[in-house]
Amino acid sequence: MRRLLGLYDYLVLYLGLTWLGLLCLGWTLIAAILYPLLPVDRGRALGRWVVMMAFRLYLASLSASRRCHFDLSALDALRHEGPLIIAPNHPSLLDAVMVISRLPNVACVMKSSLMDNVFLGAGSRLARYIGSEPLRQMIHLAVQ
């Protein structure tokens, strides 16, 4: 029984990562088309909403496996707060996904190389996420 549960855990992990990749890739195709067409404010709002909903769907899928449970009530309490700095430290790489899944207007600062990533690039540009380099530009955009 323990071996079967271990096999199921691997299946949940890898099918979950595949599902996340498909969600991101599907959105990339649409976001790449929308980016030059939408005004900045509408693109930002739509981009952030779709990323939030895709990450919610991903986390819900993991929860449906009954191998993961996410208590995100503390993040839900921040939903209507004013400007905040939330700094995930990436112990599992899911922390940023959890934060973005609960906060609709998050301005994510991300590694600049990810802005060119096939899975994350177009969606992050449409959402007007902020690349971490150059540092002066990152600070300027984060203040805005």
Protein backbone atom coordinates (compact mmCIF):
# COMPACT_ATOMS: atom_id res chain seq x y z
CA MET A 1 0.00 0.00 0.00
CA ARG A 2 2.85 2.35 0.86
CA ARG A 3 4.43 1.79 -2.57
CA LEU A 4 1.15 2.55 -4.32
CA LEU A 5 0.80 5.75 -2.32
CA GLY A 6 4.36 6.73 -3.25
CA LEU A 7 3.60 6.04 -6.91
CA TYR A 8 0.44 8.14 -6.63
CA ASP A 9 2.47 10.99 -5.09
CA TYR A 10 4.86 10.98 -8.06
CA LEU A 11 1.92 10.87 -10.44
CA VAL A 12 0.27 13.85 -8.72
CA LEU A 13 3.53 15.80 -8.80
CA TYR A 14 4.42 15.19 -12.43
CA LEU A 15 0.90 15.35 -13.84
CA GLY A 16 0.42 18.53 -11.80
CA LEU A 17 3.56 20.09 -13.27
CA THR A 18 2.45 19.05 -16.75
CA TRP A 19 -0.95 20.62 -16.11
CA LEU A 20 0.70 23.87 -14.91
CA GLY A 21 2.89 23.88 -18.01
CA LEU A 22 -0.13 23.43 -20.28
CA LEU A 23 -2.03 26.21 -18.51
CA CYS A 24 0.93 28.57 -18.85
CA LEU A 25 1.64 27.62 -22.45
CA GLY A 26 -2.00 28.03 -23.46
CA TRP A 27 -2.11 31.47 -21.88
CA THR A 28 1.21 32.39 -23.51
CA LEU A 29 -0.28 31.88 -26.96
CA ILE A 30 -3.24 34.14 -26.19
CA ALA A 31 -1.26 36.75 -24.22
CA ALA A 32 1.31 37.13 -27.02
CA ILE A 33 -1.51 38.12 -29.38
CA LEU A 34 -3.26 40.40 -26.89
CA TYR A 35 -0.16 42.26 -25.65
CA PRO A 36 0.21 44.62 -28.64
CA LEU A 37 -3.57 44.99 -29.09
CA LEU A 38 -4.79 45.93 -25.61
CA PRO A 39 -4.27 49.27 -23.86
CA VAL A 40 -1.83 49.02 -20.93
CA ASP A 41 -4.49 49.25 -18.18
CA ARG A 42 -6.80 46.66 -19.74
CA GLY A 43 -3.92 44.36 -20.58
CA ARG A 44 -2.59 44.58 -17.03
CA ALA A 45 -6.01 43.87 -15.48
CA LEU A 46 -6.79 40.97 -17.82
CA GLY A 47 -3.28 39.53 -17.57
CA ARG A 48 -3.27 39.56 -13.77
CA TRP A 49 -6.78 38.14 -13.57
CA VAL A 50 -6.03 35.24 -15.93
CA VAL A 51 -2.76 34.39 -14.18
CA MET A 52 -4.54 34.49 -10.80
CA MET A 53 -7.33 32.22 -12.06
CA ALA A 54 -4.92 29.79 -13.77
CA PHE A 55 -2.91 29.46 -10.56
CA ARG A 56 -6.12 28.95 -8.57
CA LEU A 57 -7.13 26.20 -10.98
CA TYR A 58 -3.71 24.58 -10.62
CA LEU A 59 -3.83 24.66 -6.81
CA ALA A 60 -7.42 23.36 -6.84
CA SER A 61 -6.28 20.50 -9.06
CA LEU A 62 -3.53 19.61 -6.60
CA SER A 63 -6.02 19.79 -3.73
CA ALA A 64 -8.41 17.49 -5.59
CA SER A 65 -5.70 14.83 -5.54
CA ARG A 66 -6.06 14.77 -1.74
CA ARG A 67 -2.27 14.78 -1.46
CA CYS A 68 -1.98 18.56 -1.08
CA HIS A 69 -3.82 21.02 1.12
CA PHE A 70 -3.41 24.78 0.97
CA ASP A 71 -4.64 27.07 3.74
CA LEU A 72 -4.58 30.43 2.00
CA SER A 73 -6.91 32.28 4.38
CA ALA A 74 -4.11 34.61 5.55
CA LEU A 75 -3.55 35.67 1.93
CA ASP A 76 -7.30 36.15 1.42
CA ALA A 77 -7.26 38.59 4.36
CA LEU A 78 -4.74 40.75 2.43
CA ARG A 79 -6.93 40.97 -0.67
CA HIS A 80 -8.30 44.45 0.04
CA GLU A 81 -5.28 45.91 1.82
CA GLY A 82 -3.35 48.86 0.46
CA PRO A 83 0.12 48.59 -1.07
CA LEU A 84 2.21 45.82 0.51
CA ILE A 85 5.50 44.12 -0.12
CA ILE A 86 5.18 40.34 0.07
CA ALA A 87 8.47 38.53 -0.40
CA PRO A 88 8.12 34.78 -1.02
CA ASN A 89 11.39 32.98 -0.40
CA HIS A 90 10.66 30.05 -2.75
CA PRO A 91 11.20 27.04 -0.47
CA SER A 92 9.07 24.99 -2.85
CA LEU A 93 8.55 27.36 -5.79
CA LEU A 94 4.83 27.15 -5.05
CA ASP A 95 4.84 30.14 -2.69
CA ALA A 96 4.70 32.70 -5.50
CA VAL A 97 1.93 30.66 -7.16
CA MET A 98 -0.02 30.71 -3.89
CA VAL A 99 0.39 34.47 -3.41
CA ILE A 100 -0.56 35.30 -7.01
CA SER A 101 -3.56 32.92 -6.85
CA ARG A 102 -5.17 34.90 -4.03
CA LEU A 103 -4.26 38.54 -4.73
CA PRO A 104 -5.87 39.99 -7.87
CA ASN A 105 -3.65 43.02 -8.38
CA VAL A 106 -0.20 41.79 -7.45
CA ALA A 107 2.75 43.39 -9.24
CA CYS A 108 5.14 40.47 -9.27
CA VAL A 109 8.87 41.19 -9.41
CA MET A 110 10.45 38.25 -11.16
CA LYS A 111 13.82 37.19 -12.44
CA SER A 112 14.33 39.05 -15.72
CA SER A 113 15.23 35.89 -17.62
CA LEU A 114 11.75 34.52 -16.88
CA MET A 115 10.25 37.39 -18.86
CA ASP A 116 11.60 35.62 -21.99
CA ASN A 117 10.55 32.13 -20.89
CA VAL A 118 8.16 30.40 -23.30
CA PHE A 119 5.85 29.38 -20.44
CA LEU A 120 5.82 32.62 -18.45
CA GLY A 121 7.04 35.42 -20.71
CA ALA A 122 4.02 36.66 -22.65
CA GLY A 123 1.64 36.28 -19.72
CA SER A 124 3.97 38.14 -17.37
CA ARG A 125 4.49 40.94 -19.89
CA LEU A 126 0.74 41.33 -20.42
CA ALA A 127 0.22 41.42 -16.64
CA ARG A 128 2.97 44.07 -16.54
CA TYR A 129 5.02 42.09 -14.05
CA ILE A 130 8.40 43.61 -13.30
CA GLY A 131 11.77 42.18 -14.29
CA SER A 132 14.43 42.30 -11.57
CA GLU A 133 17.06 43.89 -13.81
CA PRO A 134 18.15 46.59 -14.28
CA LEU A 135 17.76 47.41 -10.61
CA ARG A 136 16.95 51.11 -11.06
CA GLN A 137 14.17 50.31 -13.55
CA MET A 138 12.80 47.59 -11.26
CA ILE A 139 12.51 50.07 -8.38
CA HIS A 140 10.93 52.72 -10.61
CA LEU A 141 8.31 50.27 -11.96
CA ALA A 142 7.61 48.84 -8.50
CA VAL A 143 6.95 52.33 -7.11
CA GLN A 144 4.52 53.02 -9.96
